[in-house]
Amino acid sequence: QVQLVESGGGLVQAGGSLRLSCAASRITFSINTMAWYRQAPGKQRELVATINSGGQITYANSVLGRFTITRDNAKNTVYLQMNALKPEDTAVYYCFLPVQNFWGRGTQVTVSS
């Protein structure tokens, strides 16, 4: 069975940075699109960023210019570098494998004002 394990969340002050990691196993990582989603309390889960096998990237407008998604196929890992964090970025961040509709368990990011 596929495994997606997120890490790197935590508590940070507004304006700070965090880097999330999602380590994948039991998939052919390099050929798969990967995505990051987030869900804030009381809100629907929303797409943050995607990266496909060719390195094409999309971002939600709310994070454009602040967040960067990258992947390391040698490590079967996708990253989300988050800079200039805002309190409204507070959420549980999930790694997602679209081809199998598979979610990681999530990692909490809390941004204090």
PDB file of N, CA and C in Angstrom:
ATOM      1  N   GLN A   1       0.836  -1.187   0.000  1.00  0.00           N
ATOM      2  CA  GLN A   1       0.000   0.000   0.000  1.00  0.00           C
ATOM      3  C   GLN A   1       0.875   1.243   0.000  1.00  0.00           C
ATOM      4  N   VAL A   2       0.381   2.269  -0.683  1.00  0.00           N
ATOM      5  CA  VAL A   2       1.094   3.542  -0.745  1.00  0.00           C
ATOM      6  C   VAL A   2       1.234   4.138   0.657  1.00  0.00           C
ATOM      7  N   GLN A   3       2.361   4.803   0.866  1.00  0.00           N
ATOM      8  CA  GLN A   3       2.532   5.578   2.091  1.00  0.00           C
ATOM      9  C   GLN A   3       2.996   6.972   1.742  1.00  0.00           C
ATOM     10  N   LEU A   4       2.378   7.950   2.377  1.00  0.00           N
ATOM     11  CA  LEU A   4       2.788   9.351   2.264  1.00  0.00           C
ATOM     12  C   LEU A   4       2.949   9.869   3.685  1.00  0.00           C
ATOM     13  N   VAL A   5       4.153  10.308   4.026  1.00  0.00           N
ATOM     14  CA  VAL A   5       4.422  10.757   5.385  1.00  0.00           C
ATOM     15  C   VAL A   5       4.911  12.198   5.344  1.00  0.00           C
ATOM     16  N   GLU A   6       4.086  13.075   5.911  1.00  0.00           N
ATOM     17  CA  GLU A   6       4.436  14.489   5.951  1.00  0.00           C
ATOM     18  C   GLU A   6       5.224  14.808   7.208  1.00  0.00           C
ATOM     19  N   SER A   7       6.059  15.825   7.107  1.00  0.00           N
ATOM     20  CA  SER A   7       6.798  16.311   8.266  1.00  0.00           C
ATOM     21  C   SER A   7       7.150  17.769   8.029  1.00  0.00           C
ATOM     22  N   GLY A   8       7.585  18.430   9.103  1.00  0.00           N
ATOM     23  CA  GLY A   8       8.058  19.800   8.975  1.00  0.00           C
ATOM     24  C   GLY A   8       7.119  20.860   9.481  1.00  0.00           C
ATOM     25  N   GLY A   9       5.922  20.476   9.892  1.00  0.00           N
ATOM     26  CA  GLY A   9       5.003  21.461  10.415  1.00  0.00           C
ATOM     27  C   GLY A   9       5.447  21.974  11.776  1.00  0.00           C
ATOM     28  N   GLY A  10       4.739  22.998  12.262  1.00  0.00           N
ATOM     29  CA  GLY A  10       5.068  23.544  13.564  1.00  0.00           C
ATOM     30  C   GLY A  10       4.446  24.894  13.766  1.00  0.00           C
ATOM     31  N   LEU A  11       4.927  25.570  14.794  1.00  0.00           N
ATOM     32  CA  LEU A  11       4.452  26.903  15.164  1.00  0.00           C
ATOM     33  C   LEU A  11       5.512  27.920  14.748  1.00  0.00           C
ATOM     34  N   VAL A  12       5.069  28.953  14.042  1.00  0.00           N
ATOM     35  CA  VAL A  12       5.990  29.982  13.573  1.00  0.00           C
ATOM     36  C   VAL A  12       5.300  31.329  13.649  1.00  0.00           C
ATOM     37  N   GLN A  13       6.071  32.369  13.833  1.00  0.00           N
ATOM     38  CA  GLN A  13       5.506  33.712  13.854  1.00  0.00           C
ATOM     39  C   GLN A  13       5.233  34.191  12.432  1.00  0.00           C
ATOM     40  N   ALA A  14       4.300  35.101  12.319  1.00  0.00           N
ATOM     41  CA  ALA A  14       4.003  35.694  11.015  1.00  0.00           C
ATOM     42  C   ALA A  14       5.283  36.274  10.411  1.00  0.00           C
ATOM     43  N   GLY A  15       5.437  36.025   9.120  1.00  0.00           N
ATOM     44  CA  GLY A  15       6.645  36.450   8.426  1.00  0.00           C
ATOM     45  C   GLY A  15       7.725  35.394   8.373  1.00  0.00           C
ATOM     46  N   GLY A  16       7.548  34.352   9.149  1.00  0.00           N
ATOM     47  CA  GLY A  16       8.541  33.286   9.202  1.00  0.00           C
ATOM     48  C   GLY A  16       8.390  32.284   8.073  1.00  0.00           C
ATOM     49  N   SER A  17       9.202  31.231   8.162  1.00  0.00           N
ATOM     50  CA  SER A  17       9.250  30.215   7.113  1.00  0.00           C
ATOM     51  C   SER A  17       9.209  28.817   7.713  1.00  0.00           C
ATOM     52  N   LEU A  18       8.694  27.910   6.929  1.00  0.00           N
ATOM     53  CA  LEU A  18       8.728  26.484   7.238  1.00  0.00           C
ATOM     54  C   LEU A  18       8.915  25.724   5.937  1.00  0.00           C
ATOM     55  N   ARG A  19       9.501  24.538   6.029  1.00  0.00           N
ATOM     56  CA  ARG A  19       9.570  23.657   4.874  1.00  0.00           C
ATOM     57  C   ARG A  19       8.931  22.324   5.228  1.00  0.00           C
ATOM     58  N   LEU A  20       7.907  21.992   4.493  1.00  0.00           N
ATOM     59  CA  LEU A  20       7.233  20.711   4.665  1.00  0.00           C
ATOM     60  C   LEU A  20       7.841  19.685   3.714  1.00  0.00           C
ATOM     61  N   SER A  21       7.856  18.453   4.180  1.00  0.00           N
ATOM     62  CA  SER A  21       8.323  17.343   3.354  1.00  0.00           C
ATOM     63  C   SER A  21       7.254  16.267   3.321  1.00  0.00           C
ATOM     64  N   CYS A  22       7.195  15.574   2.224  1.00  0.00           N
ATOM     65  CA  CYS A  22       6.293  14.429   2.082  1.00  0.00           C
ATOM     66  C   CYS A  22       7.096  13.304   1.446  1.00  0.00           C
ATOM     67  N   ALA A  23       7.355  12.287   2.236  1.00  0.00           N
ATOM     68  CA  ALA A  23       8.105  11.136   1.743  1.00  0.00           C
ATOM     69  C   ALA A  23       7.128  10.060   1.283  1.00  0.00           C
ATOM     70  N   ALA A  24       7.289   9.638   0.051  1.00  0.00           N
ATOM     71  CA  ALA A  24       6.398   8.643  -0.534  1.00  0.00           C
ATOM     72  C   ALA A  24       7.103   7.301  -0.646  1.00  0.00           C
ATOM     73  N   SER A  25       6.327   6.252  -0.483  1.00  0.00           N
ATOM     74  CA  SER A  25       6.876   4.917  -0.674  1.00  0.00           C
ATOM     75  C   SER A  25       5.837   4.031  -1.332  1.00  0.00           C
ATOM     76  N   ARG A  26       6.342   2.971  -1.952  1.00  0.00           N
ATOM     77  CA  ARG A  26       5.508   1.974  -2.615  1.00  0.00           C
ATOM     78  C   ARG A  26       4.785   2.536  -3.822  1.00  0.00           C
ATOM     79  N   ILE A  27       5.378   3.535  -4.444  1.00  0.00           N
ATOM     80  CA  ILE A  27       4.895   4.043  -5.715  1.00  0.00           C
ATOM     81  C   ILE A  27       6.101   4.338  -6.594  1.00  0.00           C
ATOM     82  N   THR A  28       5.864   4.438  -7.897  1.00  0.00           N
ATOM     83  CA  THR A  28       6.901   4.914  -8.811  1.00  0.00           C
ATOM     84  C   THR A  28       6.818   6.429  -8.791  1.00  0.00           C
ATOM     85  N   PHE A  29       7.509   7.003  -7.834  1.00  0.00           N
ATOM     86  CA  PHE A  29       7.324   8.411  -7.500  1.00  0.00           C
ATOM     87  C   PHE A  29       7.549   9.331  -8.682  1.00  0.00           C
ATOM     88  N   SER A  30       8.579   9.069  -9.452  1.00  0.00           N
ATOM     89  CA  SER A  30       9.013  10.030 -10.472  1.00  0.00           C
ATOM     90  C   SER A  30       7.979  10.289 -11.558  1.00  0.00           C
ATOM     91  N   ILE A  31       7.058   9.368 -11.769  1.00  0.00           N
ATOM     92  CA  ILE A  31       6.101   9.535 -12.864  1.00  0.00           C
ATOM     93  C   ILE A  31       4.792  10.157 -12.393  1.00  0.00           C
ATOM     94  N   ASN A  32       4.695  10.411 -11.113  1.00  0.00           N
ATOM     95  CA  ASN A  32       3.426  10.860 -10.553  1.00  0.00           C
ATOM     96  C   ASN A  32       3.371  12.339 -10.233  1.00  0.00           C
ATOM     97  N   THR A  33       2.219  12.939 -10.549  1.00  0.00           N
ATOM     98  CA  THR A  33       1.915  14.267 -10.038  1.00  0.00           C
ATOM     99  C   THR A  33       1.702  14.176  -8.533  1.00  0.00           C
ATOM    100  N   MET A  34       2.246  15.160  -7.838  1.00  0.00           N
ATOM    101  CA  MET A  34       2.053  15.252  -6.388  1.00  0.00           C
ATOM    102  C   MET A  34       1.447  16.606  -6.055  1.00  0.00           C
ATOM    103  N   ALA A  35       0.755  16.658  -4.946  1.00  0.00           N
ATOM    104  CA  ALA A  35       0.076  17.896  -4.587  1.00  0.00           C
ATOM    105  C   ALA A  35       0.121  18.113  -3.081  1.00  0.00           C
ATOM    106  N   TRP A  36       0.015  19.372  -2.718  1.00  0.00           N
ATOM    107  CA  TRP A  36      -0.185  19.770  -1.328  1.00  0.00           C
ATOM    108  C   TRP A  36      -1.549  20.450  -1.227  1.00  0.00           C
ATOM    109  N   TYR A  37      -2.299  20.054  -0.222  1.00  0.00           N
ATOM    110  CA  TYR A  37      -3.556  20.679   0.135  1.00  0.00           C
ATOM    111  C   TYR A  37      -3.455  21.171   1.572  1.00  0.00           C
ATOM    112  N   ARG A  38      -4.409  21.992   1.958  1.00  0.00           N
ATOM    113  CA  ARG A  38      -4.498  22.403   3.357  1.00  0.00           C
ATOM    114  C   ARG A  38      -5.959  22.559   3.761  1.00  0.00           C
ATOM    115  N   GLN A  39      -6.176  22.394   5.056  1.00  0.00           N
ATOM    116  CA  GLN A  39      -7.521  22.559   5.595  1.00  0.00           C
ATOM    117  C   GLN A  39      -7.445  23.314   6.900  1.00  0.00           C
ATOM    118  N   ALA A  40      -8.038  24.496   6.896  1.00  0.00           N
ATOM    119  CA  ALA A  40      -8.097  25.318   8.095  1.00  0.00           C
ATOM    120  C   ALA A  40      -9.345  24.943   8.886  1.00  0.00           C
ATOM    121  N   PRO A  41      -9.357  25.226  10.173  1.00  0.00           N
ATOM    122  CA  PRO A  41     -10.527  24.887  11.000  1.00  0.00           C
ATOM    123  C   PRO A  41     -11.806  25.512  10.436  1.00  0.00           C
ATOM    124  N   GLY A  42     -12.815  24.685  10.275  1.00  0.00           N
ATOM    125  CA  GLY A  42     -14.100  25.166   9.798  1.00  0.00           C
ATOM    126  C   GLY A  42     -14.175  25.460   8.318  1.00  0.00           C
ATOM    127  N   LYS A  43     -13.125  25.143   7.580  1.00  0.00           N
ATOM    128  CA  LYS A  43     -13.096  25.423   6.149  1.00  0.00           C
ATOM    129  C   LYS A  43     -12.875  24.139   5.354  1.00  0.00           C
ATOM    130  N   GLN A  44     -13.200  24.227   4.064  1.00  0.00           N
ATOM    131  CA  GLN A  44     -12.978  23.088   3.188  1.00  0.00           C
ATOM    132  C   GLN A  44     -11.500  22.938   2.876  1.00  0.00           C
ATOM    133  N   ARG A  45     -11.128  21.715   2.554  1.00  0.00           N
ATOM    134  CA  ARG A  45      -9.765  21.463   2.127  1.00  0.00           C
ATOM    135  C   ARG A  45      -9.532  22.152   0.788  1.00  0.00           C
ATOM    136  N   GLU A  46      -8.388  22.806   0.654  1.00  0.00           N
ATOM    137  CA  GLU A  46      -8.117  23.543  -0.570  1.00  0.00           C
ATOM    138  C   GLU A  46      -6.739  23.188  -1.134  1.00  0.00           C
ATOM    139  N   LEU A  47      -6.653  23.249  -2.452  1.00  0.00           N
ATOM    140  CA  LEU A  47      -5.402  22.961  -3.135  1.00  0.00           C
ATOM    141  C   LEU A  47      -4.414  24.100  -2.914  1.00  0.00           C
ATOM    142  N   VAL A  48      -3.186  23.738  -2.586  1.00  0.00           N
ATOM    143  CA  VAL A  48      -2.128  24.730  -2.386  1.00  0.00           C
ATOM    144  C   VAL A  48      -1.195  24.758  -3.592  1.00  0.00           C
ATOM    145  N   ALA A  49      -0.709  23.579  -3.995  1.00  0.00           N
ATOM    146  CA  ALA A  49       0.258  23.528  -5.101  1.00  0.00           C
ATOM    147  C   ALA A  49       0.319  22.117  -5.659  1.00  0.00           C
ATOM    148  N   THR A  50       0.680  22.036  -6.936  1.00  0.00           N
ATOM    149  CA  THR A  50       0.900  20.739  -7.576  1.00  0.00           C
ATOM    150  C   THR A  50       2.197  20.786  -8.363  1.00  0.00           C
ATOM    151  N   ILE A  51       2.773  19.606  -8.553  1.00  0.00           N
ATOM    152  CA  ILE A  51       3.951  19.477  -9.407  1.00  0.00           C
ATOM    153  C   ILE A  51       3.835  18.154 -10.144  1.00  0.00           C
ATOM    154  N   ASN A  52       3.985  18.195 -11.468  1.00  0.00           N
ATOM    155  CA  ASN A  52       3.840  16.941 -12.207  1.00  0.00           C
ATOM    156  C   ASN A  52       5.205  16.326 -12.497  1.00  0.00           C
ATOM    157  N   SER A  53       5.200  15.227 -13.213  1.00  0.00           N
ATOM    158  CA  SER A  53       6.442  14.489 -13.438  1.00  0.00           C
ATOM    159  C   SER A  53       7.445  15.292 -14.260  1.00  0.00           C
ATOM    160  N   GLY A  54       6.950  16.227 -15.063  1.00  0.00           N
ATOM    161  CA  GLY A  54       7.839  17.057 -15.879  1.00  0.00           C
ATOM    162  C   GLY A  54       8.269  18.332 -15.193  1.00  0.00           C
ATOM    163  N   GLY A  55       7.816  18.509 -13.972  1.00  0.00           N
ATOM    164  CA  GLY A  55       8.193  19.692 -13.211  1.00  0.00           C
ATOM    165  C   GLY A  55       7.278  20.885 -13.383  1.00  0.00           C
ATOM    166  N   GLN A  56       6.172  20.689 -14.100  1.00  0.00           N
ATOM    167  CA  GLN A  56       5.215  21.781 -14.235  1.00  0.00           C
ATOM    168  C   GLN A  56       4.511  21.994 -12.910  1.00  0.00           C
ATOM    169  N   ILE A  57       4.300  23.239 -12.556  1.00  0.00           N
ATOM    170  CA  ILE A  57       3.831  23.613 -11.224  1.00  0.00           C
ATOM    171  C   ILE A  57       2.625  24.528 -11.324  1.00  0.00           C
ATOM    172  N   THR A  58       1.702  24.339 -10.395  1.00  0.00           N
ATOM    173  CA  THR A  58       0.596  25.270 -10.223  1.00  0.00           C
ATOM    174  C   THR A  58       0.510  25.654  -8.750  1.00  0.00           C
ATOM    175  N   TYR A  59       0.011  26.856  -8.509  1.00  0.00           N
ATOM    176  CA  TYR A  59      -0.164  27.358  -7.144  1.00  0.00           C
ATOM    177  C   TYR A  59      -1.541  27.975  -6.987  1.00  0.00           C
ATOM    178  N   ALA A  60      -2.051  27.899  -5.771  1.00  0.00           N
ATOM    179  CA  ALA A  60      -3.212  28.693  -5.433  1.00  0.00           C
ATOM    180  C   ALA A  60      -2.797  30.160  -5.423  1.00  0.00           C
ATOM    181  N   ASN A  61      -3.722  31.023  -5.810  1.00  0.00           N
ATOM    182  CA  ASN A  61      -3.407  32.456  -5.841  1.00  0.00           C
ATOM    183  C   ASN A  61      -2.973  32.967  -4.476  1.00  0.00           C
ATOM    184  N   SER A  62      -3.526  32.380  -3.435  1.00  0.00           N
ATOM    185  CA  SER A  62      -3.262  32.873  -2.087  1.00  0.00           C
ATOM    186  C   SER A  62      -1.827  32.626  -1.631  1.00  0.00           C
ATOM    187  N   VAL A  63      -1.118  31.720  -2.290  1.00  0.00           N
ATOM    188  CA  VAL A  63       0.253  31.420  -1.874  1.00  0.00           C
ATOM    189  C   VAL A  63       1.274  31.789  -2.935  1.00  0.00           C
ATOM    190  N   LEU A  64       0.817  32.245  -4.078  1.00  0.00           N
ATOM    191  CA  LEU A  64       1.709  32.576  -5.188  1.00  0.00           C
ATOM    192  C   LEU A  64       2.729  33.627  -4.753  1.00  0.00           C
ATOM    193  N   GLY A  65       3.990  33.323  -5.025  1.00  0.00           N
ATOM    194  CA  GLY A  65       5.066  34.242  -4.654  1.00  0.00           C
ATOM    195  C   GLY A  65       5.619  34.024  -3.260  1.00  0.00           C
ATOM    196  N   ARG A  66       4.936  33.215  -2.467  1.00  0.00           N
ATOM    197  CA  ARG A  66       5.392  32.947  -1.099  1.00  0.00           C
ATOM    198  C   ARG A  66       5.782  31.476  -0.893  1.00  0.00           C
ATOM    199  N   PHE A  67       5.073  30.587  -1.544  1.00  0.00           N
ATOM    200  CA  PHE A  67       5.320  29.148  -1.387  1.00  0.00           C
ATOM    201  C   PHE A  67       5.989  28.601  -2.647  1.00  0.00           C
ATOM    202  N   THR A  68       6.824  27.580  -2.452  1.00  0.00           N
ATOM    203  CA  THR A  68       7.488  26.919  -3.569  1.00  0.00           C
ATOM    204  C   THR A  68       7.409  25.412  -3.391  1.00  0.00           C
ATOM    205  N   ILE A  69       6.879  24.742  -4.398  1.00  0.00           N
ATOM    206  CA  ILE A  69       6.830  23.285  -4.383  1.00  0.00           C
ATOM    207  C   ILE A  69       7.971  22.745  -5.234  1.00  0.00           C
ATOM    208  N   THR A  70       8.639  21.729  -4.703  1.00  0.00           N
ATOM    209  CA  THR A  70       9.718  21.073  -5.438  1.00  0.00           C
ATOM    210  C   THR A  70       9.639  19.580  -5.176  1.00  0.00           C
ATOM    211  N   ARG A  71      10.379  18.828  -5.966  1.00  0.00           N
ATOM    212  CA  ARG A  71      10.421  17.393  -5.754  1.00  0.00           C
ATOM    213  C   ARG A  71      11.840  16.886  -5.961  1.00  0.00           C
ATOM    214  N   ASP A  72      12.157  15.832  -5.225  1.00  0.00           N
ATOM    215  CA  ASP A  72      13.435  15.151  -5.370  1.00  0.00           C
ATOM    216  C   ASP A  72      13.114  13.691  -5.659  1.00  0.00           C
ATOM    217  N   ASN A  73      13.194  13.331  -6.927  1.00  0.00           N
ATOM    218  CA  ASN A  73      12.805  11.966  -7.298  1.00  0.00           C
ATOM    219  C   ASN A  73      13.761  10.915  -6.738  1.00  0.00           C
ATOM    220  N   ALA A  74      14.996  11.293  -6.491  1.00  0.00           N
ATOM    221  CA  ALA A  74      15.942  10.344  -5.909  1.00  0.00           C
ATOM    222  C   ALA A  74      15.581   9.990  -4.476  1.00  0.00           C
ATOM    223  N   LYS A  75      14.892  10.913  -3.821  1.00  0.00           N
ATOM    224  CA  LYS A  75      14.491  10.685  -2.428  1.00  0.00           C
ATOM    225  C   LYS A  75      13.002  10.389  -2.290  1.00  0.00           C
ATOM    226  N   ASN A  76      12.295  10.307  -3.417  1.00  0.00           N
ATOM    227  CA  ASN A  76      10.844  10.068  -3.381  1.00  0.00           C
ATOM    228  C   ASN A  76      10.141  11.057  -2.455  1.00  0.00           C
ATOM    229  N   THR A  77      10.527  12.302  -2.560  1.00  0.00           N
ATOM    230  CA  THR A  77      10.033  13.306  -1.630  1.00  0.00           C
ATOM    231  C   THR A  77       9.603  14.570  -2.376  1.00  0.00           C
ATOM    232  N   VAL A  78       8.484  15.116  -1.941  1.00  0.00           N
ATOM    233  CA  VAL A  78       8.024  16.408  -2.430  1.00  0.00           C
ATOM    234  C   VAL A  78       8.070  17.386  -1.265  1.00  0.00           C
ATOM    235  N   TYR A  79       8.442  18.613  -1.560  1.00  0.00           N
ATOM    236  CA  TYR A  79       8.618  19.631  -0.533  1.00  0.00           C
ATOM    237  C   TYR A  79       7.682  20.814  -0.782  1.00  0.00           C
ATOM    238  N   LEU A  80       7.410  21.531   0.285  1.00  0.00           N
ATOM    239  CA  LEU A  80       6.693  22.795   0.174  1.00  0.00           C
ATOM    240  C   LEU A  80       7.426  23.793   1.050  1.00  0.00           C
ATOM    241  N   GLN A  81       8.154  24.694   0.405  1.00  0.00           N
ATOM    242  CA  GLN A  81       8.834  25.772   1.119  1.00  0.00           C
ATOM    243  C   GLN A  81       7.846  26.919   1.274  1.00  0.00           C
ATOM    244  N   MET A  82       7.606  27.310   2.510  1.00  0.00           N
ATOM    245  CA  MET A  82       6.618  28.341   2.804  1.00  0.00           C
ATOM    246  C   MET A  82       7.328  29.525   3.443  1.00  0.00           C
ATOM    247  N   ASN A  83       7.301  30.650   2.761  1.00  0.00           N
ATOM    248  CA  ASN A  83       7.925  31.879   3.248  1.00  0.00           C
ATOM    249  C   ASN A  83       6.866  32.949   3.485  1.00  0.00           C
ATOM    250  N   ALA A  84       7.255  33.966   4.206  1.00  0.00           N
ATOM    251  CA  ALA A  84       6.343  35.089   4.488  1.00  0.00           C
ATOM    252  C   ALA A  84       5.001  34.581   4.981  1.00  0.00           C
ATOM    253  N   LEU A  85       5.035  33.672   5.922  1.00  0.00           N
ATOM    254  CA  LEU A  85       3.807  33.049   6.399  1.00  0.00           C
ATOM    255  C   LEU A  85       2.896  34.056   7.089  1.00  0.00           C
ATOM    256  N   LYS A  86       1.593  33.821   6.927  1.00  0.00           N
ATOM    257  CA  LYS A  86       0.566  34.677   7.497  1.00  0.00           C
ATOM    258  C   LYS A  86      -0.313  33.855   8.421  1.00  0.00           C
ATOM    259  N   PRO A  87      -0.977  34.494   9.371  1.00  0.00           N
ATOM    260  CA  PRO A  87      -1.887  33.737  10.250  1.00  0.00           C
ATOM    261  C   PRO A  87      -2.930  32.949   9.460  1.00  0.00           C
ATOM    262  N   GLU A  88      -3.358  33.460   8.333  1.00  0.00           N
ATOM    263  CA  GLU A  88      -4.360  32.751   7.529  1.00  0.00           C
ATOM    264  C   GLU A  88      -3.808  31.517   6.838  1.00  0.00           C
ATOM    265  N   ASP A  89      -2.505  31.289   6.918  1.00  0.00           N
ATOM    266  CA  ASP A  89      -1.920  30.050   6.415  1.00  0.00           C
ATOM    267  C   ASP A  89      -2.044  28.910   7.425  1.00  0.00           C
ATOM    268  N   THR A  90      -2.510  29.223   8.616  1.00  0.00           N
ATOM    269  CA  THR A  90      -2.695  28.195   9.641  1.00  0.00           C
ATOM    270  C   THR A  90      -3.665  27.132   9.153  1.00  0.00           C
ATOM    271  N   ALA A  91      -3.221  25.892   9.172  1.00  0.00           N
ATOM    272  CA  ALA A  91      -4.022  24.783   8.656  1.00  0.00           C
ATOM    273  C   ALA A  91      -3.273  23.481   8.868  1.00  0.00           C
ATOM    274  N   VAL A  92      -3.980  22.393   8.645  1.00  0.00           N
ATOM    275  CA  VAL A  92      -3.317  21.102   8.498  1.00  0.00           C
ATOM    276  C   VAL A  92      -2.974  20.954   7.016  1.00  0.00           C
ATOM    277  N   TYR A  93      -1.736  20.650   6.736  1.00  0.00           N
ATOM    278  CA  TYR A  93      -1.260  20.524   5.363  1.00  0.00           C
ATOM    279  C   TYR A  93      -1.137  19.038   5.018  1.00  0.00           C
ATOM    280  N   TYR A  94      -1.719  18.683   3.886  1.00  0.00           N
ATOM    281  CA  TYR A  94      -1.775  17.288   3.463  1.00  0.00           C
ATOM    282  C   TYR A  94      -1.042  17.099   2.140  1.00  0.00           C
ATOM    283  N   CYS A  95      -0.326  16.009   2.064  1.00  0.00           N
ATOM    284  CA  CYS A  95       0.258  15.559   0.816  1.00  0.00           C
ATOM    285  C   CYS A  95      -0.762  14.666   0.119  1.00  0.00           C
ATOM    286  N   PHE A  96      -0.852  14.776  -1.215  1.00  0.00           N
ATOM    287  CA  PHE A  96      -1.886  14.054  -1.958  1.00  0.00           C
ATOM    288  C   PHE A  96      -1.314  13.470  -3.232  1.00  0.00           C
ATOM    289  N   LEU A  97      -1.685  12.208  -3.477  1.00  0.00           N
ATOM    290  CA  LEU A  97      -1.299  11.514  -4.704  1.00  0.00           C
ATOM    291  C   LEU A  97      -2.545  11.367  -5.563  1.00  0.00           C
ATOM    292  N   PRO A  98      -2.733  12.233  -6.541  1.00  0.00           N
ATOM    293  CA  PRO A  98      -3.994  12.244  -7.294  1.00  0.00           C
ATOM    294  C   PRO A  98      -4.320  10.929  -8.012  1.00  0.00           C
ATOM    295  N   VAL A  99      -3.325  10.283  -8.587  1.00  0.00           N
ATOM    296  CA  VAL A  99      -3.622   9.106  -9.412  1.00  0.00           C
ATOM    297  C   VAL A  99      -4.266   7.993  -8.597  1.00  0.00           C
ATOM    298  N   GLN A 100      -3.994   7.938  -7.316  1.00  0.00           N
ATOM    299  CA  GLN A 100      -4.601   6.929  -6.459  1.00  0.00           C
ATOM    300  C   GLN A 100      -5.550   7.535  -5.441  1.00  0.00           C
ATOM    301  N   ASN A 101      -5.805   8.831  -5.557  1.00  0.00           N
ATOM    302  CA  ASN A 101      -6.694   9.515  -4.606  1.00  0.00           C
ATOM    303  C   ASN A 101      -6.279   9.193  -3.175  1.00  0.00           C
ATOM    304  N   PHE A 102      -4.984   9.307  -2.899  1.00  0.00           N
ATOM    305  CA  PHE A 102      -4.440   8.891  -1.613  1.00  0.00           C
ATOM    306  C   PHE A 102      -3.884  10.098  -0.869  1.00  0.00           C
ATOM    307  N   TRP A 103      -4.232  10.173   0.422  1.00  0.00           N
ATOM    308  CA  TRP A 103      -3.833  11.292   1.262  1.00  0.00           C
ATOM    309  C   TRP A 103      -2.846  10.855   2.326  1.00  0.00           C
ATOM    310  N   GLY A 104      -1.917  11.758   2.637  1.00  0.00           N
ATOM    311  CA  GLY A 104      -1.141  11.575   3.842  1.00  0.00           C
ATOM    312  C   GLY A 104      -1.977  11.948   5.054  1.00  0.00           C
ATOM    313  N   ARG A 105      -1.390  11.800   6.240  1.00  0.00           N
ATOM    314  CA  ARG A 105      -2.134  12.083   7.461  1.00  0.00           C
ATOM    315  C   ARG A 105      -2.137  13.555   7.814  1.00  0.00           C
ATOM    316  N   GLY A 106      -1.250  14.318   7.232  1.00  0.00           N
ATOM    317  CA  GLY A 106      -1.227  15.742   7.456  1.00  0.00           C
ATOM    318  C   GLY A 106      -0.218  16.180   8.508  1.00  0.00           C
ATOM    319  N   THR A 107       0.145  17.453   8.437  1.00  0.00           N
ATOM    320  CA  THR A 107       1.036  18.056   9.425  1.00  0.00           C
ATOM    321  C   THR A 107       0.500  19.457   9.734  1.00  0.00           C
ATOM    322  N   GLN A 108       0.464  19.779  11.004  1.00  0.00           N
ATOM    323  CA  GLN A 108      -0.130  21.040  11.446  1.00  0.00           C
ATOM    324  C   GLN A 108       0.856  22.193  11.272  1.00  0.00           C
ATOM    325  N   VAL A 109       0.370  23.257  10.673  1.00  0.00           N
ATOM    326  CA  VAL A 109       1.120  24.502  10.579  1.00  0.00           C
ATOM    327  C   VAL A 109       0.315  25.583  11.281  1.00  0.00           C
ATOM    328  N   THR A 110       0.936  26.236  12.247  1.00  0.00           N
ATOM    329  CA  THR A 110       0.273  27.307  12.983  1.00  0.00           C
ATOM    330  C   THR A 110       1.136  28.557  12.895  1.00  0.00           C
ATOM    331  N   VAL A 111       0.516  29.635  12.426  1.00  0.00           N
ATOM    332  CA  VAL A 111       1.223  30.904  12.267  1.00  0.00           C
ATOM    333  C   VAL A 111       0.618  31.897  13.239  1.00  0.00           C
ATOM    334  N   SER A 112       1.418  32.373  14.157  1.00  0.00           N
ATOM    335  CA  SER A 112       0.933  33.324  15.154  1.00  0.00           C
ATOM    336  C   SER A 112       1.163  34.756  14.675  1.00  0.00           C
ATOM    337  N   SER A 113       0.261  35.627  15.095  1.00  0.00           N
ATOM    338  CA  SER A 113       0.351  37.030  14.661  1.00  0.00           C
ATOM    339  C   SER A 113       1.204  37.836  15.614  1.00  0.00           C
TER     340      SER A 113
END
